[in-house]
Amino acid sequence: MVLCEQVCAAMRALAVEGVKHGNLAASSVLVHSTQPWIVKVAGFELAEPVDLDRSDSGQTAVLCSISSPTVGGAECGSRACEAEKGDVKAFGVTMWQIMSNGAQVQAVAGQELPRPASCPAALYQLMQHCWAPAPADRPTFSQLSRQLQRWRTEYSKQVLSKHGLSRRNA
């Protein structure tokens, strides 16, 4: 799951900068180190800057966030939001590939990819959320990043507790 979290952080940074990757897949994730795990996102052949919508005041609008009470579904029709949400869908597939140990996607139109054997149910549900048919129903990379960080923190606490350790003496 650390790999998924790092890929998500990289994609969040691209979204904040207004860049659509456009080609995210496990094959574009490079392992820089395994001690500790450090991955880098590559494959920018199709990457393009996204012209963020301008508000009446001339200020750059914030990327669409489906959790924001001020952002309605209509704003998710903006080019910036659509770009991020397209990359989010690809990120869901990339998570599936990572959890499937690099398996090739053999999807049939209209069918979701099956849950990988080693994939926790909650992570698979997050993948499914990324694959929502309507882009407005998909999470943002910021939301995904927060969720993955929460899970890592919870898992770390469980492991330390299981071994009778705390963060202070670990």
Protein backbone atom coordinates (compact mmCIF):
# COMPACT_ATOMS: atom_id res chain seq x y z
CA MET A 1 0.00 0.00 0.00
CA VAL A 2 3.03 2.29 0.45
CA LEU A 3 3.54 2.20 -3.31
CA CYS A 4 -0.06 3.28 -3.89
CA GLU A 5 0.33 6.10 -1.38
CA GLN A 6 3.48 7.42 -3.07
CA VAL A 7 1.98 7.26 -6.56
CA CYS A 8 -1.08 9.09 -5.24
CA ALA A 9 1.11 11.81 -3.70
CA ALA A 10 2.88 12.32 -7.03
CA MET A 11 -0.42 12.50 -8.89
CA ARG A 12 -1.81 14.94 -6.30
CA ALA A 13 1.21 17.19 -6.92
CA LEU A 14 0.56 17.08 -10.68
CA ALA A 15 -3.12 17.92 -10.18
CA VAL A 16 -2.23 20.89 -7.97
CA GLU A 17 0.13 22.15 -10.67
CA GLY A 18 -2.59 21.76 -13.30
CA VAL A 19 -0.92 18.91 -15.19
CA LYS A 20 -2.83 15.97 -16.60
CA HIS A 21 -0.61 12.86 -16.74
CA GLY A 22 -2.85 11.08 -19.22
CA ASN A 23 -0.88 7.81 -19.25
CA LEU A 24 -0.76 6.51 -15.68
CA ALA A 25 -0.31 2.75 -15.33
CA ALA A 26 1.87 0.42 -13.27
CA SER A 27 4.32 0.41 -16.18
CA SER A 28 4.92 4.14 -15.61
CA VAL A 29 5.80 3.66 -11.93
CA LEU A 30 9.54 3.33 -11.39
CA VAL A 31 10.96 1.81 -8.20
CA HIS A 32 13.83 4.05 -7.10
CA SER A 33 14.57 2.22 -3.84
CA THR A 34 13.20 -0.62 -1.74
CA GLN A 35 14.89 0.34 1.57
CA PRO A 36 12.78 2.40 2.18
CA TRP A 37 10.33 2.10 -0.67
CA ILE A 38 10.57 5.09 -2.99
CA VAL A 39 8.70 5.16 -6.28
CA LYS A 40 8.58 7.76 -9.02
CA VAL A 41 5.94 8.36 -11.65
CA ALA A 42 7.18 8.47 -15.25
CA GLY A 43 5.52 8.06 -18.65
CA PHE A 44 4.75 11.70 -19.33
CA GLU A 45 4.48 11.27 -23.11
CA LEU A 46 0.80 12.24 -23.01
CA ALA A 47 1.06 14.76 -20.17
CA GLU A 48 -0.33 18.19 -20.85
CA PRO A 49 -0.95 21.37 -18.90
CA VAL A 50 -4.57 22.01 -18.10
CA ASP A 51 -5.89 25.54 -18.54
CA LEU A 52 -7.48 26.05 -15.18
CA ASP A 53 -10.75 27.93 -15.29
CA ARG A 54 -10.51 31.60 -14.38
CA SER A 55 -12.98 33.20 -12.04
CA ASP A 56 -14.46 36.65 -12.67
CA SER A 57 -11.73 38.19 -10.51
CA GLY A 58 -9.03 36.69 -12.73
CA GLN A 59 -7.83 34.35 -10.00
CA THR A 60 -7.17 30.71 -10.83
CA ALA A 61 -10.04 28.55 -9.65
CA VAL A 62 -9.40 25.68 -7.27
CA LEU A 63 -9.48 22.19 -8.72
CA CYS A 64 -12.81 20.49 -8.22
CA SER A 65 -13.30 18.83 -4.85
CA ILE A 66 -16.41 16.71 -4.51
CA SER A 67 -16.36 17.15 -0.72
CA SER A 68 -16.56 20.93 -0.90
CA PRO A 69 -20.04 22.29 -0.19
CA THR A 70 -19.38 25.21 -2.55
CA VAL A 71 -18.54 23.06 -5.57
CA GLY A 72 -21.48 21.72 -7.47
CA GLY A 73 -21.63 19.04 -10.11
CA ALA A 74 -21.54 21.65 -12.86
CA GLU A 75 -18.01 22.69 -11.91
CA CYS A 76 -16.87 19.13 -12.46
CA GLY A 77 -17.46 19.84 -16.12
CA SER A 78 -14.39 22.09 -16.05
CA ARG A 79 -11.35 20.96 -17.97
CA ALA A 80 -9.15 20.92 -14.84
CA CYS A 81 -11.55 18.73 -12.90
CA GLU A 82 -12.09 16.35 -15.80
CA ALA A 83 -8.33 15.99 -16.24
CA GLU A 84 -7.79 15.10 -12.60
CA LYS A 85 -10.76 12.73 -12.54
CA GLY A 86 -9.46 10.94 -15.67
CA ASP A 87 -6.12 10.44 -13.95
CA VAL A 88 -7.98 9.26 -10.81
CA LYS A 89 -9.66 6.51 -12.84
CA ALA A 90 -6.25 5.46 -14.19
CA PHE A 91 -4.88 5.55 -10.62
CA GLY A 92 -7.59 3.08 -9.56
CA VAL A 93 -6.41 0.71 -12.30
CA THR A 94 -2.78 1.30 -11.28
CA MET A 95 -3.64 0.37 -7.67
CA TRP A 96 -5.28 -2.79 -9.02
CA GLN A 97 -2.12 -3.62 -11.02
CA ILE A 98 0.09 -3.03 -7.97
CA MET A 99 -2.09 -5.21 -5.74
CA SER A 100 -2.18 -7.86 -8.50
CA ASN A 101 1.63 -7.97 -8.64
CA GLY A 102 1.78 -6.31 -12.03
CA ALA A 103 -0.94 -8.35 -13.73
CA GLN A 104 -2.06 -7.06 -17.09
CA VAL A 105 -5.53 -5.58 -17.20
CA GLN A 106 -7.94 -7.92 -18.98
CA ALA A 107 -11.09 -5.86 -18.68
CA VAL A 108 -14.32 -6.52 -20.51
CA ALA A 109 -16.41 -3.46 -21.32
CA GLY A 110 -18.95 -2.82 -18.58
CA GLN A 111 -17.26 -5.12 -16.05
CA GLU A 112 -15.05 -4.09 -13.15
CA LEU A 113 -11.70 -5.69 -12.52
CA PRO A 114 -11.97 -8.45 -9.89
CA ARG A 115 -10.63 -7.94 -6.39
CA PRO A 116 -6.99 -9.14 -6.23
CA ALA A 117 -6.44 -11.99 -3.77
CA SER A 118 -4.02 -9.99 -1.60
CA CYS A 119 -6.06 -6.78 -1.66
CA PRO A 120 -7.87 -5.62 1.50
CA ALA A 121 -11.60 -5.12 0.94
CA ALA A 122 -11.41 -1.42 1.89
CA LEU A 123 -8.67 -0.76 -0.67
CA TYR A 124 -10.69 -2.53 -3.37
CA GLN A 125 -13.68 -0.33 -2.49
CA LEU A 126 -11.43 2.70 -2.92
CA MET A 127 -10.44 1.39 -6.37
CA GLN A 128 -14.10 1.00 -7.28
CA HIS A 129 -14.73 4.59 -6.16
CA CYS A 130 -11.97 5.68 -8.58
CA TRP A 131 -13.72 3.78 -11.39
CA ALA A 132 -17.09 5.52 -10.90
CA PRO A 133 -18.67 6.03 -14.34
CA ALA A 134 -19.31 9.74 -13.72
CA PRO A 135 -16.10 11.74 -13.17
CA ALA A 136 -17.86 13.93 -10.59
CA ASP A 137 -18.41 10.82 -8.45
CA ARG A 138 -14.69 10.01 -8.29
CA PRO A 139 -12.53 11.23 -5.41
CA THR A 140 -9.75 13.78 -5.85
CA PHE A 141 -6.10 12.89 -5.36
CA SER A 142 -6.13 14.94 -2.15
CA GLN A 143 -8.98 12.84 -0.78
CA LEU A 144 -7.30 9.60 -1.88
CA SER A 145 -4.01 10.67 -0.34
CA ARG A 146 -5.62 11.45 3.03
CA GLN A 147 -7.37 8.06 3.07
CA LEU A 148 -4.23 6.11 2.21
CA GLN A 149 -2.28 8.01 4.90
CA ARG A 150 -5.00 7.22 7.48
CA TRP A 151 -4.82 3.52 6.63
CA ARG A 152 -1.02 3.48 6.88
CA THR A 153 -1.17 5.18 10.28
CA GLU A 154 -3.83 2.76 11.55
CA TYR A 155 -1.89 -0.24 10.24
CA SER A 156 1.33 0.98 11.87
CA LYS A 157 -0.45 1.36 15.21
CA GLN A 158 -1.89 -2.17 14.89
CA VAL A 159 1.53 -3.67 14.13
CA LEU A 160 3.20 -1.83 17.01
CA SER A 161 0.39 -2.82 19.39
CA LYS A 162 0.60 -6.45 18.29
CA HIS A 163 4.28 -6.50 19.24
CA GLY A 164 3.77 -4.61 22.51
CA LEU A 165 5.49 -1.48 21.26
CA SER A 166 4.52 2.15 21.07
CA ARG A 167 5.73 4.86 18.71
CA ARG A 168 8.02 6.21 21.46
CA ASN A 169 9.98 3.00 22.01
CA ALA A 170 9.81 1.66 18.46
